[in-house]
PDB file of N, CA and C in Angstrom:
ATOM      1  N   MET A   1      86.444 144.512  95.446  1.00  0.00           N
ATOM      2  CA  MET A   1      85.366 143.596  95.122  1.00  0.00           C
ATOM      3  C   MET A   1      84.210 144.315  94.424  1.00  0.00           C
ATOM      4  N   LYS A   2      83.915 145.558  94.863  1.00  0.00           N
ATOM      5  CA  LYS A   2      82.810 146.305  94.260  1.00  0.00           C
ATOM      6  C   LYS A   2      83.042 146.559  92.781  1.00  0.00           C
ATOM      7  N   SER A   3      84.291 146.732  92.351  1.00  0.00           N
ATOM      8  CA  SER A   3      84.560 147.001  90.939  1.00  0.00           C
ATOM      9  C   SER A   3      84.439 145.750  90.081  1.00  0.00           C
ATOM     10  N   VAL A   4      84.514 144.589  90.670  1.00  0.00           N
ATOM     11  CA  VAL A   4      84.404 143.334  89.932  1.00  0.00           C
ATOM     12  C   VAL A   4      82.943 142.987  89.648  1.00  0.00           C
ATOM     13  N   VAL A   5      82.048 143.313  90.566  1.00  0.00           N
ATOM     14  CA  VAL A   5      80.637 142.958  90.424  1.00  0.00           C
ATOM     15  C   VAL A   5      80.023 143.560  89.160  1.00  0.00           C
ATOM     16  N   PRO A   6      80.204 144.865  88.885  1.00  0.00           N
ATOM     17  CA  PRO A   6      79.630 145.400  87.635  1.00  0.00           C
ATOM     18  C   PRO A   6      80.196 144.724  86.390  1.00  0.00           C
ATOM     19  N   PHE A   7      81.465 144.389  86.407  1.00  0.00           N
ATOM     20  CA  PHE A   7      82.071 143.722  85.265  1.00  0.00           C
ATOM     21  C   PHE A   7      81.446 142.348  85.038  1.00  0.00           C
ATOM     22  N   ILE A   8      81.267 141.592  86.123  1.00  0.00           N
ATOM     23  CA  ILE A   8      80.648 140.256  86.009  1.00  0.00           C
ATOM     24  C   ILE A   8      79.208 140.395  85.528  1.00  0.00           C
ATOM     25  N   LEU A   9      78.468 141.345  86.092  1.00  0.00           N
ATOM     26  CA  LEU A   9      77.089 141.569  85.670  1.00  0.00           C
ATOM     27  C   LEU A   9      77.022 141.923  84.188  1.00  0.00           C
ATOM     28  N   PHE A  10      77.909 142.803  83.725  1.00  0.00           N
ATOM     29  CA  PHE A  10      77.968 143.169  82.311  1.00  0.00           C
ATOM     30  C   PHE A  10      78.257 141.955  81.441  1.00  0.00           C
ATOM     31  N   ALA A  11      79.212 141.112  81.856  1.00  0.00           N
ATOM     32  CA  ALA A  11      79.573 139.925  81.078  1.00  0.00           C
ATOM     33  C   ALA A  11      78.402 138.958  80.975  1.00  0.00           C
ATOM     34  N   VAL A  12      77.660 138.784  82.072  1.00  0.00           N
ATOM     35  CA  VAL A  12      76.503 137.881  82.052  1.00  0.00           C
ATOM     36  C   VAL A  12      75.422 138.429  81.133  1.00  0.00           C
ATOM     37  N   LEU A  13      75.116 139.719  81.250  1.00  0.00           N
ATOM     38  CA  LEU A  13      74.084 140.313  80.402  1.00  0.00           C
ATOM     39  C   LEU A  13      74.492 140.316  78.933  1.00  0.00           C
ATOM     40  N   ALA A  14      75.747 140.564  78.637  1.00  0.00           N
ATOM     41  CA  ALA A  14      76.223 140.534  77.253  1.00  0.00           C
ATOM     42  C   ALA A  14      76.077 139.136  76.678  1.00  0.00           C
ATOM     43  N   GLY A  15      76.332 138.125  77.475  1.00  0.00           N
ATOM     44  CA  GLY A  15      76.158 136.743  77.018  1.00  0.00           C
ATOM     45  C   GLY A  15      74.716 136.445  76.688  1.00  0.00           C
ATOM     46  N   CYS A  16      73.799 136.978  77.471  1.00  0.00           N
ATOM     47  CA  CYS A  16      72.376 136.777  77.211  1.00  0.00           C
ATOM     48  C   CYS A  16      71.944 137.464  75.924  1.00  0.00           C
ATOM     49  N   ALA A  17      72.544 138.582  75.623  1.00  0.00           N
ATOM     50  CA  ALA A  17      72.156 139.342  74.431  1.00  0.00           C
ATOM     51  C   ALA A  17      72.534 138.629  73.148  1.00  0.00           C
ATOM     52  N   THR A  18      73.476 137.693  73.200  1.00  0.00           N
ATOM     53  CA  THR A  18      73.901 137.014  71.992  1.00  0.00           C
ATOM     54  C   THR A  18      73.152 135.707  71.741  1.00  0.00           C
ATOM     55  N   LEU A  19      72.256 135.318  72.636  1.00  0.00           N
ATOM     56  CA  LEU A  19      71.502 134.093  72.427  1.00  0.00           C
ATOM     57  C   LEU A  19      70.549 134.267  71.258  1.00  0.00           C
ATOM     58  N   GLN A  20      70.421 133.230  70.438  1.00  0.00           N
ATOM     59  CA  GLN A  20      69.520 133.296  69.300  1.00  0.00           C
ATOM     60  C   GLN A  20      68.114 132.897  69.727  1.00  0.00           C
ATOM     61  N   ALA A  21      67.139 133.388  68.997  1.00  0.00           N
ATOM     62  CA  ALA A  21      65.756 133.002  69.253  1.00  0.00           C
ATOM     63  C   ALA A  21      65.588 131.524  68.941  1.00  0.00           C
ATOM     64  N   ALA A  22      64.583 130.931  69.543  1.00  0.00           N
ATOM     65  CA  ALA A  22      64.315 129.518  69.310  1.00  0.00           C
ATOM     66  C   ALA A  22      64.077 129.272  67.824  1.00  0.00           C
ATOM     67  N   SER A  23      64.533 128.154  67.352  1.00  0.00           N
ATOM     68  CA  SER A  23      64.427 127.799  65.949  1.00  0.00           C
ATOM     69  C   SER A  23      63.027 127.278  65.624  1.00  0.00           C
ATOM     70  N   ARG A  24      62.537 127.622  64.437  1.00  0.00           N
ATOM     71  CA  ARG A  24      61.281 127.042  63.955  1.00  0.00           C
ATOM     72  C   ARG A  24      61.564 125.609  63.516  1.00  0.00           C
ATOM     73  N   ASN A  25      60.538 124.827  63.345  1.00  0.00           N
ATOM     74  CA  ASN A  25      60.748 123.448  62.897  1.00  0.00           C
ATOM     75  C   ASN A  25      59.872 123.079  61.714  1.00  0.00           C
ATOM     76  N   ASP A  26      59.440 124.077  60.943  1.00  0.00           N
ATOM     77  CA  ASP A  26      58.554 123.800  59.810  1.00  0.00           C
ATOM     78  C   ASP A  26      59.220 124.000  58.452  1.00  0.00           C
ATOM     79  N   GLY A  27      60.545 124.230  58.443  1.00  0.00           N
ATOM     80  CA  GLY A  27      61.247 124.413  57.177  1.00  0.00           C
ATOM     81  C   GLY A  27      61.080 125.780  56.559  1.00  0.00           C
ATOM     82  N   ARG A  28      60.430 126.703  57.269  1.00  0.00           N
ATOM     83  CA  ARG A  28      60.221 128.068  56.780  1.00  0.00           C
ATOM     84  C   ARG A  28      60.923 129.038  57.712  1.00  0.00           C
ATOM     85  N   ALA A  29      61.431 130.139  57.147  1.00  0.00           N
ATOM     86  CA  ALA A  29      62.099 131.140  57.979  1.00  0.00           C
ATOM     87  C   ALA A  29      62.176 132.476  57.272  1.00  0.00           C
ATOM     88  N   ALA A  30      62.168 133.528  58.062  1.00  0.00           N
ATOM     89  CA  ALA A  30      62.413 134.884  57.574  1.00  0.00           C
ATOM     90  C   ALA A  30      63.911 135.146  57.669  1.00  0.00           C
ATOM     91  N   LEU A  31      64.356 136.270  57.143  1.00  0.00           N
ATOM     92  CA  LEU A  31      65.772 136.623  57.254  1.00  0.00           C
ATOM     93  C   LEU A  31      66.155 136.713  58.724  1.00  0.00           C
ATOM     94  N   GLY A  32      67.264 136.075  59.078  1.00  0.00           N
ATOM     95  CA  GLY A  32      67.762 136.089  60.448  1.00  0.00           C
ATOM     96  C   GLY A  32      67.118 135.093  61.374  1.00  0.00           C
ATOM     97  N   GLU A  33      66.137 134.341  60.906  1.00  0.00           N
ATOM     98  CA  GLU A  33      65.409 133.384  61.720  1.00  0.00           C
ATOM     99  C   GLU A  33      65.828 131.967  61.331  1.00  0.00           C
ATOM    100  N   ALA A  34      66.169 131.147  62.315  1.00  0.00           N
ATOM    101  CA  ALA A  34      66.579 129.771  62.039  1.00  0.00           C
ATOM    102  C   ALA A  34      65.362 128.866  61.913  1.00  0.00           C
ATOM    103  N   THR A  35      65.493 127.829  61.090  1.00  0.00           N
ATOM    104  CA  THR A  35      64.457 126.811  60.984  1.00  0.00           C
ATOM    105  C   THR A  35      65.117 125.443  60.921  1.00  0.00           C
ATOM    106  N   TYR A  36      64.426 124.453  61.438  1.00  0.00           N
ATOM    107  CA  TYR A  36      64.905 123.074  61.437  1.00  0.00           C
ATOM    108  C   TYR A  36      64.365 122.382  60.197  1.00  0.00           C
ATOM    109  N   VAL A  37      65.275 121.748  59.429  1.00  0.00           N
ATOM    110  CA  VAL A  37      64.891 121.085  58.180  1.00  0.00           C
ATOM    111  C   VAL A  37      65.502 119.687  58.157  1.00  0.00           C
ATOM    112  N   ASP A  38      64.759 118.690  58.625  1.00  0.00           N
ATOM    113  CA  ASP A  38      65.182 117.286  58.572  1.00  0.00           C
ATOM    114  C   ASP A  38      66.627 117.064  59.030  1.00  0.00           C
ATOM    115  N   GLY A  39      66.974 117.565  60.195  1.00  0.00           N
ATOM    116  CA  GLY A  39      68.303 117.335  60.753  1.00  0.00           C
ATOM    117  C   GLY A  39      69.255 118.504  60.642  1.00  0.00           C
ATOM    118  N   LEU A  40      68.911 119.504  59.867  1.00  0.00           N
ATOM    119  CA  LEU A  40      69.755 120.686  59.697  1.00  0.00           C
ATOM    120  C   LEU A  40      69.048 121.922  60.253  1.00  0.00           C
ATOM    121  N   HIS A  41      69.830 122.870  60.726  1.00  0.00           N
ATOM    122  CA  HIS A  41      69.311 124.191  61.067  1.00  0.00           C
ATOM    123  C   HIS A  41      69.769 125.144  59.966  1.00  0.00           C
ATOM    124  N   VAL A  42      68.824 125.833  59.360  1.00  0.00           N
ATOM    125  CA  VAL A  42      69.112 126.752  58.264  1.00  0.00           C
ATOM    126  C   VAL A  42      68.665 128.152  58.679  1.00  0.00           C
ATOM    127  N   THR A  43      69.572 129.120  58.510  1.00  0.00           N
ATOM    128  CA  THR A  43      69.262 130.510  58.835  1.00  0.00           C
ATOM    129  C   THR A  43      69.514 131.380  57.609  1.00  0.00           C
ATOM    130  N   PRO A  44      68.461 131.903  56.989  1.00  0.00           N
ATOM    131  CA  PRO A  44      68.657 132.841  55.880  1.00  0.00           C
ATOM    132  C   PRO A  44      69.297 134.119  56.412  1.00  0.00           C
ATOM    133  N   ARG A  45      70.385 134.575  55.761  1.00  0.00           N
ATOM    134  CA  ARG A  45      71.096 135.765  56.218  1.00  0.00           C
ATOM    135  C   ARG A  45      70.853 136.980  55.330  1.00  0.00           C
ATOM    136  N   ARG A  46      70.864 136.777  54.005  1.00  0.00           N
ATOM    137  CA  ARG A  46      70.674 137.935  53.127  1.00  0.00           C
ATOM    138  C   ARG A  46      70.228 137.486  51.746  1.00  0.00           C
ATOM    139  N   VAL A  47      69.416 138.336  51.129  1.00  0.00           N
ATOM    140  CA  VAL A  47      68.999 138.118  49.750  1.00  0.00           C
ATOM    141  C   VAL A  47      70.106 138.694  48.878  1.00  0.00           C
ATOM    142  N   ILE A  48      70.757 137.821  48.122  1.00  0.00           N
ATOM    143  CA  ILE A  48      71.836 138.247  47.235  1.00  0.00           C
ATOM    144  C   ILE A  48      71.259 138.746  45.914  1.00  0.00           C
ATOM    145  N   GLU A  49      70.246 138.038  45.436  1.00  0.00           N
ATOM    146  CA  GLU A  49      69.593 138.428  44.178  1.00  0.00           C
ATOM    147  C   GLU A  49      68.147 137.999  44.216  1.00  0.00           C
ATOM    148  N   ASP A  50      67.264 138.876  43.775  1.00  0.00           N
ATOM    149  CA  ASP A  50      65.863 138.519  43.562  1.00  0.00           C
ATOM    150  C   ASP A  50      65.450 139.168  42.251  1.00  0.00           C
ATOM    151  N   SER A  51      65.635 138.418  41.170  1.00  0.00           N
ATOM    152  CA  SER A  51      65.332 138.933  39.835  1.00  0.00           C
ATOM    153  C   SER A  51      64.128 138.214  39.231  1.00  0.00           C
ATOM    154  N   ARG A  52      63.242 137.695  40.107  1.00  0.00           N
ATOM    155  CA  ARG A  52      62.057 136.986  39.610  1.00  0.00           C
ATOM    156  C   ARG A  52      61.170 137.906  38.777  1.00  0.00           C
ATOM    157  N   CYS A  53      60.531 137.314  37.802  1.00  0.00           N
ATOM    158  CA  CYS A  53      59.577 138.050  36.980  1.00  0.00           C
ATOM    159  C   CYS A  53      58.398 138.461  37.867  1.00  0.00           C
ATOM    160  N   PRO A  54      58.002 139.733  37.848  1.00  0.00           N
ATOM    161  CA  PRO A  54      56.843 140.155  38.638  1.00  0.00           C
ATOM    162  C   PRO A  54      55.595 139.370  38.239  1.00  0.00           C
ATOM    163  N   ILE A  55      54.753 139.086  39.230  1.00  0.00           N
ATOM    164  CA  ILE A  55      53.560 138.287  38.960  1.00  0.00           C
ATOM    165  C   ILE A  55      52.536 139.044  38.119  1.00  0.00           C
ATOM    166  N   ASN A  56      52.688 140.355  38.015  1.00  0.00           N
ATOM    167  CA  ASN A  56      51.763 141.151  37.200  1.00  0.00           C
ATOM    168  C   ASN A  56      52.434 141.646  35.918  1.00  0.00           C
ATOM    169  N   ALA A  57      53.363 140.840  35.391  1.00  0.00           N
ATOM    170  CA  ALA A  57      54.073 141.197  34.157  1.00  0.00           C
ATOM    171  C   ALA A  57      54.348 139.944  33.338  1.00  0.00           C
ATOM    172  N   ARG A  58      54.692 140.146  32.070  1.00  0.00           N
ATOM    173  CA  ARG A  58      55.120 139.040  31.207  1.00  0.00           C
ATOM    174  C   ARG A  58      56.607 139.180  30.992  1.00  0.00           C
ATOM    175  N   CYS A  59      57.318 138.075  31.141  1.00  0.00           N
ATOM    176  CA  CYS A  59      58.777 138.115  31.039  1.00  0.00           C
ATOM    177  C   CYS A  59      59.268 136.989  30.131  1.00  0.00           C
ATOM    178  N   ILE A  60      60.398 137.218  29.520  1.00  0.00           N
ATOM    179  CA  ILE A  60      61.050 136.190  28.711  1.00  0.00           C
ATOM    180  C   ILE A  60      61.805 135.228  29.612  1.00  0.00           C
ATOM    181  N   TRP A  61      62.358 135.748  30.691  1.00  0.00           N
ATOM    182  CA  TRP A  61      63.160 134.962  31.624  1.00  0.00           C
ATOM    183  C   TRP A  61      62.466 134.978  32.977  1.00  0.00           C
ATOM    184  N   ALA A  62      62.350 133.830  33.635  1.00  0.00           N
ATOM    185  CA  ALA A  62      61.648 133.740  34.913  1.00  0.00           C
ATOM    186  C   ALA A  62      62.406 134.425  36.047  1.00  0.00           C
ATOM    187  N   GLY A  63      63.723 134.592  35.901  1.00  0.00           N
ATOM    188  CA  GLY A  63      64.532 135.192  36.956  1.00  0.00           C
ATOM    189  C   GLY A  63      64.903 134.168  38.003  1.00  0.00           C
ATOM    190  N   ARG A  64      65.529 134.628  39.071  1.00  0.00           N
ATOM    191  CA  ARG A  64      65.955 133.710  40.118  1.00  0.00           C
ATOM    192  C   ARG A  64      66.100 134.445  41.441  1.00  0.00           C
ATOM    193  N   VAL A  65      66.187 133.641  42.509  1.00  0.00           N
ATOM    194  CA  VAL A  65      66.473 134.150  43.839  1.00  0.00           C
ATOM    195  C   VAL A  65      67.723 133.438  44.319  1.00  0.00           C
ATOM    196  N   VAL A  66      68.701 134.217  44.801  1.00  0.00           N
ATOM    197  CA  VAL A  66      69.911 133.665  45.403  1.00  0.00           C
ATOM    198  C   VAL A  66      69.943 134.175  46.838  1.00  0.00           C
ATOM    199  N   LEU A  67      70.091 133.233  47.755  1.00  0.00           N
ATOM    200  CA  LEU A  67      69.995 133.533  49.177  1.00  0.00           C
ATOM    201  C   LEU A  67      71.249 133.079  49.903  1.00  0.00           C
ATOM    202  N   GLY A  68      71.840 133.947  50.711  1.00  0.00           N
ATOM    203  CA  GLY A  68      72.957 133.572  51.569  1.00  0.00           C
ATOM    204  C   GLY A  68      72.407 132.981  52.854  1.00  0.00           C
ATOM    205  N   VAL A  69      72.847 131.774  53.203  1.00  0.00           N
ATOM    206  CA  VAL A  69      72.349 131.084  54.398  1.00  0.00           C
ATOM    207  C   VAL A  69      73.506 130.544  55.233  1.00  0.00           C
ATOM    208  N   VAL A  70      73.204 130.259  56.488  1.00  0.00           N
ATOM    209  CA  VAL A  70      74.098 129.517  57.363  1.00  0.00           C
ATOM    210  C   VAL A  70      73.403 128.192  57.652  1.00  0.00           C
ATOM    211  N   VAL A  71      74.119 127.099  57.428  1.00  0.00           N
ATOM    212  CA  VAL A  71      73.579 125.758  57.657  1.00  0.00           C
ATOM    213  C   VAL A  71      74.384 125.123  58.782  1.00  0.00           C
ATOM    214  N   GLU A  72      73.678 124.558  59.757  1.00  0.00           N
ATOM    215  CA  GLU A  72      74.341 123.913  60.883  1.00  0.00           C
ATOM    216  C   GLU A  72      73.778 122.516  61.075  1.00  0.00           C
ATOM    217  N   GLY A  73      74.662 121.590  61.392  1.00  0.00           N
ATOM    218  CA  GLY A  73      74.262 120.227  61.673  1.00  0.00           C
ATOM    219  C   GLY A  73      75.267 119.571  62.601  1.00  0.00           C
ATOM    220  N   GLY A  74      74.824 119.139  63.766  1.00  0.00           N
ATOM    221  CA  GLY A  74      75.767 118.549  64.714  1.00  0.00           C
ATOM    222  C   GLY A  74      76.807 119.550  65.154  1.00  0.00           C
ATOM    223  N   SER A  75      78.066 119.239  64.886  1.00  0.00           N
ATOM    224  CA  SER A  75      79.160 120.105  65.340  1.00  0.00           C
ATOM    225  C   SER A  75      79.748 120.961  64.216  1.00  0.00           C
ATOM    226  N   TRP A  76      79.113 121.018  63.065  1.00  0.00           N
ATOM    227  CA  TRP A  76      79.659 121.800  61.958  1.00  0.00           C
ATOM    228  C   TRP A  76      78.721 122.953  61.595  1.00  0.00           C
ATOM    229  N   ARG A  77      79.300 123.928  60.908  1.00  0.00           N
ATOM    230  CA  ARG A  77      78.574 125.123  60.465  1.00  0.00           C
ATOM    231  C   ARG A  77      79.143 125.526  59.105  1.00  0.00           C
ATOM    232  N   ARG A  78      78.253 125.868  58.169  1.00  0.00           N
ATOM    233  CA  ARG A  78      78.709 126.213  56.824  1.00  0.00           C
ATOM    234  C   ARG A  78      77.889 127.380  56.290  1.00  0.00           C
ATOM    235  N   GLU A  79      78.559 128.367  55.720  1.00  0.00           N
ATOM    236  CA  GLU A  79      77.882 129.443  55.013  1.00  0.00           C
ATOM    237  C   GLU A  79      77.845 129.068  53.541  1.00  0.00           C
ATOM    238  N   MET A  80      76.701 129.296  52.906  1.00  0.00           N
ATOM    239  CA  MET A  80      76.577 128.938  51.501  1.00  0.00           C
ATOM    240  C   MET A  80      75.510 129.792  50.836  1.00  0.00           C
ATOM    241  N   GLU A  81      75.447 129.690  49.517  1.00  0.00           N
ATOM    242  CA  GLU A  81      74.422 130.375  48.738  1.00  0.00           C
ATOM    243  C   GLU A  81      73.497 129.329  48.145  1.00  0.00           C
ATOM    244  N   LEU A  82      72.197 129.568  48.264  1.00  0.00           N
ATOM    245  CA  LEU A  82      71.196 128.689  47.667  1.00  0.00           C
ATOM    246  C   LEU A  82      70.441 129.469  46.597  1.00  0.00           C
ATOM    247  N   THR A  83      70.228 128.831  45.459  1.00  0.00           N
ATOM    248  CA  THR A  83      69.436 129.400  44.380  1.00  0.00           C
ATOM    249  C   THR A  83      68.104 128.665  44.351  1.00  0.00           C
ATOM    250  N   LEU A  84      67.024 129.413  44.264  1.00  0.00           N
ATOM    251  CA  LEU A  84      65.679 128.846  44.262  1.00  0.00           C
ATOM    252  C   LEU A  84      65.570 127.711  43.248  1.00  0.00           C
ATOM    253  N   GLY A  85      65.149 126.539  43.724  1.00  0.00           N
ATOM    254  CA  GLY A  85      64.929 125.395  42.852  1.00  0.00           C
ATOM    255  C   GLY A  85      66.160 124.601  42.470  1.00  0.00           C
ATOM    256  N   GLU A  86      67.344 124.949  43.011  1.00  0.00           N
ATOM    257  CA  GLU A  86      68.584 124.243  42.673  1.00  0.00           C
ATOM    258  C   GLU A  86      69.203 123.647  43.942  1.00  0.00           C
ATOM    259  N   PRO A  87      68.954 122.352  44.207  1.00  0.00           N
ATOM    260  CA  PRO A  87      69.497 121.724  45.410  1.00  0.00           C
ATOM    261  C   PRO A  87      71.023 121.772  45.441  1.00  0.00           C
ATOM    262  N   GLN A  88      71.565 121.964  46.640  1.00  0.00           N
ATOM    263  CA  GLN A  88      73.014 122.007  46.857  1.00  0.00           C
ATOM    264  C   GLN A  88      73.412 120.871  47.790  1.00  0.00           C
ATOM    265  N   HIS A  89      74.528 120.219  47.478  1.00  0.00           N
ATOM    266  CA  HIS A  89      75.029 119.144  48.328  1.00  0.00           C
ATOM    267  C   HIS A  89      75.496 119.722  49.657  1.00  0.00           C
ATOM    268  N   VAL A  90      75.011 119.153  50.734  1.00  0.00           N
ATOM    269  CA  VAL A  90      75.445 119.535  52.079  1.00  0.00           C
ATOM    270  C   VAL A  90      75.257 118.315  52.982  1.00  0.00           C
ATOM    271  N   ALA A  91      76.224 118.098  53.849  1.00  0.00           N
ATOM    272  CA  ALA A  91      76.208 116.942  54.753  1.00  0.00           C
ATOM    273  C   ALA A  91      76.049 115.679  53.914  1.00  0.00           C
ATOM    274  N   ASP A  92      75.030 114.882  54.208  1.00  0.00           N
ATOM    275  CA  ASP A  92      74.821 113.627  53.487  1.00  0.00           C
ATOM    276  C   ASP A  92      73.612 113.695  52.570  1.00  0.00           C
ATOM    277  N   GLY A  93      73.301 114.890  52.068  1.00  0.00           N
ATOM    278  CA  GLY A  93      72.124 115.026  51.222  1.00  0.00           C
ATOM    279  C   GLY A  93      72.146 116.294  50.409  1.00  0.00           C
ATOM    280  N   ALA A  94      70.952 116.756  50.059  1.00  0.00           N
ATOM    281  CA  ALA A  94      70.812 117.960  49.238  1.00  0.00           C
ATOM    282  C   ALA A  94      69.811 118.897  49.887  1.00  0.00           C
ATOM    283  N   LEU A  95      70.237 120.142  50.073  1.00  0.00           N
ATOM    284  CA  LEU A  95      69.385 121.177  50.644  1.00  0.00           C
ATOM    285  C   LEU A  95      68.905 122.065  49.508  1.00  0.00           C
ATOM    286  N   ALA A  96      67.605 122.390  49.522  1.00  0.00           N
ATOM    287  CA  ALA A  96      67.051 123.228  48.459  1.00  0.00           C
ATOM    288  C   ALA A  96      66.194 124.339  49.038  1.00  0.00           C
ATOM    289  N   LEU A  97      66.301 125.499  48.431  1.00  0.00           N
ATOM    290  CA  LEU A  97      65.372 126.595  48.659  1.00  0.00           C
ATOM    291  C   LEU A  97      64.214 126.322  47.709  1.00  0.00           C
ATOM    292  N   VAL A  98      63.023 126.045  48.252  1.00  0.00           N
ATOM    293  CA  VAL A  98      61.912 125.596  47.405  1.00  0.00           C
ATOM    294  C   VAL A  98      60.835 126.651  47.164  1.00  0.00           C
ATOM    295  N   SER A  99      60.782 127.679  47.998  1.00  0.00           N
ATOM    296  CA  SER A  99      59.837 128.762  47.716  1.00  0.00           C
ATOM    297  C   SER A  99      60.264 130.039  48.421  1.00  0.00           C
ATOM    298  N   VAL A 100      59.822 131.145  47.821  1.00  0.00           N
ATOM    299  CA  VAL A 100      60.090 132.477  48.353  1.00  0.00           C
ATOM    300  C   VAL A 100      58.800 133.268  48.231  1.00  0.00           C
ATOM    301  N   ILE A 101      58.347 133.824  49.338  1.00  0.00           N
ATOM    302  CA  ILE A 101      57.191 134.712  49.297  1.00  0.00           C
ATOM    303  C   ILE A 101      57.564 136.011  49.987  1.00  0.00           C
ATOM    304  N   PRO A 102      56.994 137.099  49.593  1.00  0.00           N
ATOM    305  CA  PRO A 102      55.960 137.279  48.577  1.00  0.00           C
ATOM    306  C   PRO A 102      56.549 137.279  47.175  1.00  0.00           C
ATOM    307  N   GLY A 103      55.673 137.197  46.193  1.00  0.00           N
ATOM    308  CA  GLY A 103      56.102 137.316  44.804  1.00  0.00           C
ATOM    309  C   GLY A 103      56.432 138.762  44.469  1.00  0.00           C
ATOM    310  N   GLN A 104      57.203 138.945  43.413  1.00  0.00           N
ATOM    311  CA  GLN A 104      57.553 140.288  42.947  1.00  0.00           C
ATOM    312  C   GLN A 104      56.330 140.946  42.305  1.00  0.00           C
ATOM    313  N   LEU A 105      56.220 142.243  42.459  1.00  0.00           N
ATOM    314  CA  LEU A 105      55.214 143.042  41.761  1.00  0.00           C
ATOM    315  C   LEU A 105      55.936 144.126  40.983  1.00  0.00           C
ATOM    316  N   ALA A 106      55.514 144.325  39.736  1.00  0.00           N
ATOM    317  CA  ALA A 106      56.141 145.365  38.916  1.00  0.00           C
ATOM    318  C   ALA A 106      55.980 146.715  39.598  1.00  0.00           C
ATOM    319  N   GLY A 107      57.077 147.480  39.632  1.00  0.00           N
ATOM    320  CA  GLY A 107      57.043 148.818  40.196  1.00  0.00           C
ATOM    321  C   GLY A 107      57.191 148.901  41.702  1.00  0.00           C
ATOM    322  N   SER A 108      57.460 147.778  42.373  1.00  0.00           N
ATOM    323  CA  SER A 108      57.647 147.840  43.825  1.00  0.00           C
ATOM    324  C   SER A 108      58.779 146.913  44.251  1.00  0.00           C
ATOM    325  N   GLU A 109      59.342 147.204  45.412  1.00  0.00           N
ATOM    326  CA  GLU A 109      60.405 146.372  45.971  1.00  0.00           C
ATOM    327  C   GLU A 109      59.888 145.653  47.203  1.00  0.00           C
ATOM    328  N   ILE A 110      60.470 144.491  47.480  1.00  0.00           N
ATOM    329  CA  ILE A 110      60.106 143.729  48.672  1.00  0.00           C
ATOM    330  C   ILE A 110      61.031 144.153  49.805  1.00  0.00           C
ATOM    331  N   ASP A 111      60.452 144.508  50.942  1.00  0.00           N
ATOM    332  CA  ASP A 111      61.249 144.815  52.124  1.00  0.00           C
ATOM    333  C   ASP A 111      61.817 143.521  52.689  1.00  0.00           C
ATOM    334  N   ASN A 112      63.048 143.566  53.177  1.00  0.00           N
ATOM    335  CA  ASN A 112      63.698 142.372  53.709  1.00  0.00           C
ATOM    336  C   ASN A 112      62.864 141.671  54.774  1.00  0.00           C
ATOM    337  N   GLU A 113      62.173 142.435  55.615  1.00  0.00           N
ATOM    338  CA  GLU A 113      61.396 141.802  56.695  1.00  0.00           C
ATOM    339  C   GLU A 113      60.134 141.103  56.189  1.00  0.00           C
ATOM    340  N   ASP A 114      59.776 141.290  54.920  1.00  0.00           N
ATOM    341  CA  ASP A 114      58.586 140.644  54.359  1.00  0.00           C
ATOM    342  C   ASP A 114      58.869 139.274  53.740  1.00  0.00           C
ATOM    343  N   TYR A 115      60.129 138.964  53.492  1.00  0.00           N
ATOM    344  CA  TYR A 115      60.475 137.679  52.882  1.00  0.00           C
ATOM    345  C   TYR A 115      60.228 136.511  53.837  1.00  0.00           C
ATOM    346  N   VAL A 116      59.728 135.409  53.289  1.00  0.00           N
ATOM    347  CA  VAL A 116      59.662 134.129  53.990  1.00  0.00           C
ATOM    348  C   VAL A 116      60.147 133.069  53.009  1.00  0.00           C
ATOM    349  N   PHE A 117      61.084 132.234  53.468  1.00  0.00           N
ATOM    350  CA  PHE A 117      61.718 131.234  52.631  1.00  0.00           C
ATOM    351  C   PHE A 117      61.336 129.837  53.125  1.00  0.00           C
ATOM    352  N   ALA A 118      61.207 128.904  52.202  1.00  0.00           N
ATOM    353  CA  ALA A 118      60.927 127.509  52.576  1.00  0.00           C
ATOM    354  C   ALA A 118      62.047 126.634  52.023  1.00  0.00           C
ATOM    355  N   PHE A 119      62.466 125.668  52.846  1.00  0.00           N
ATOM    356  CA  PHE A 119      63.587 124.785  52.522  1.00  0.00           C
ATOM    357  C   PHE A 119      63.166 123.337  52.632  1.00  0.00           C
ATOM    358  N   GLU A 120      63.850 122.484  51.862  1.00  0.00           N
ATOM    359  CA  GLU A 120      63.684 121.033  51.972  1.00  0.00           C
ATOM    360  C   GLU A 120      65.058 120.398  51.964  1.00  0.00           C
ATOM    361  N   PHE A 121      65.214 119.314  52.709  1.00  0.00           N
ATOM    362  CA  PHE A 121      66.455 118.572  52.738  1.00  0.00           C
ATOM    363  C   PHE A 121      66.178 117.125  52.401  1.00  0.00           C
ATOM    364  N   ASP A 122      66.874 116.613  51.384  1.00  0.00           N
ATOM    365  CA  ASP A 122      66.761 115.218  50.988  1.00  0.00           C
ATOM    366  C   ASP A 122      68.032 114.525  51.416  1.00  0.00           C
ATOM    367  N   GLY A 123      67.951 113.728  52.463  1.00  0.00           N
ATOM    368  CA  GLY A 123      69.137 113.045  52.992  1.00  0.00           C
ATOM    369  C   GLY A 123      69.453 111.748  52.279  1.00  0.00           C
ATOM    370  N   GLY A 124      68.823 111.481  51.171  1.00  0.00           N
ATOM    371  CA  GLY A 124      68.998 110.203  50.496  1.00  0.00           C
ATOM    372  C   GLY A 124      70.003 110.177  49.368  1.00  0.00           C
ATOM    373  N   ILE A 125      70.873 111.195  49.226  1.00  0.00           N
ATOM    374  CA  ILE A 125      71.829 111.124  48.116  1.00  0.00           C
ATOM    375  C   ILE A 125      73.145 110.558  48.583  1.00  0.00           C
TER     376      ILE A 125
END
């Protein structure tokens, strides 16, 4: 019996370690943080591309941000890529990445922990 108790204790503690932090409900999230967006939970996972024109430079092309996210609603879960300003069909509507902060600065890189993303969901399509 003594050898079973540590195993059970380990299993319980390991289960606790996998719980996610409470989700935000304002449509904004940092990498790894979930947010509630009009019926969906969206979790930004990784910045795939951030080629935006630096705010202290002149550019011919505005650039873009592509973000890998996990979207959950009800009993389903979907991994997808969102491009800033380009709504994607999901569930019964369109999910869009609508803003990314901070802006790019020429000569510097943005640390992953500094990103904050904002999302909108239009369930009317």
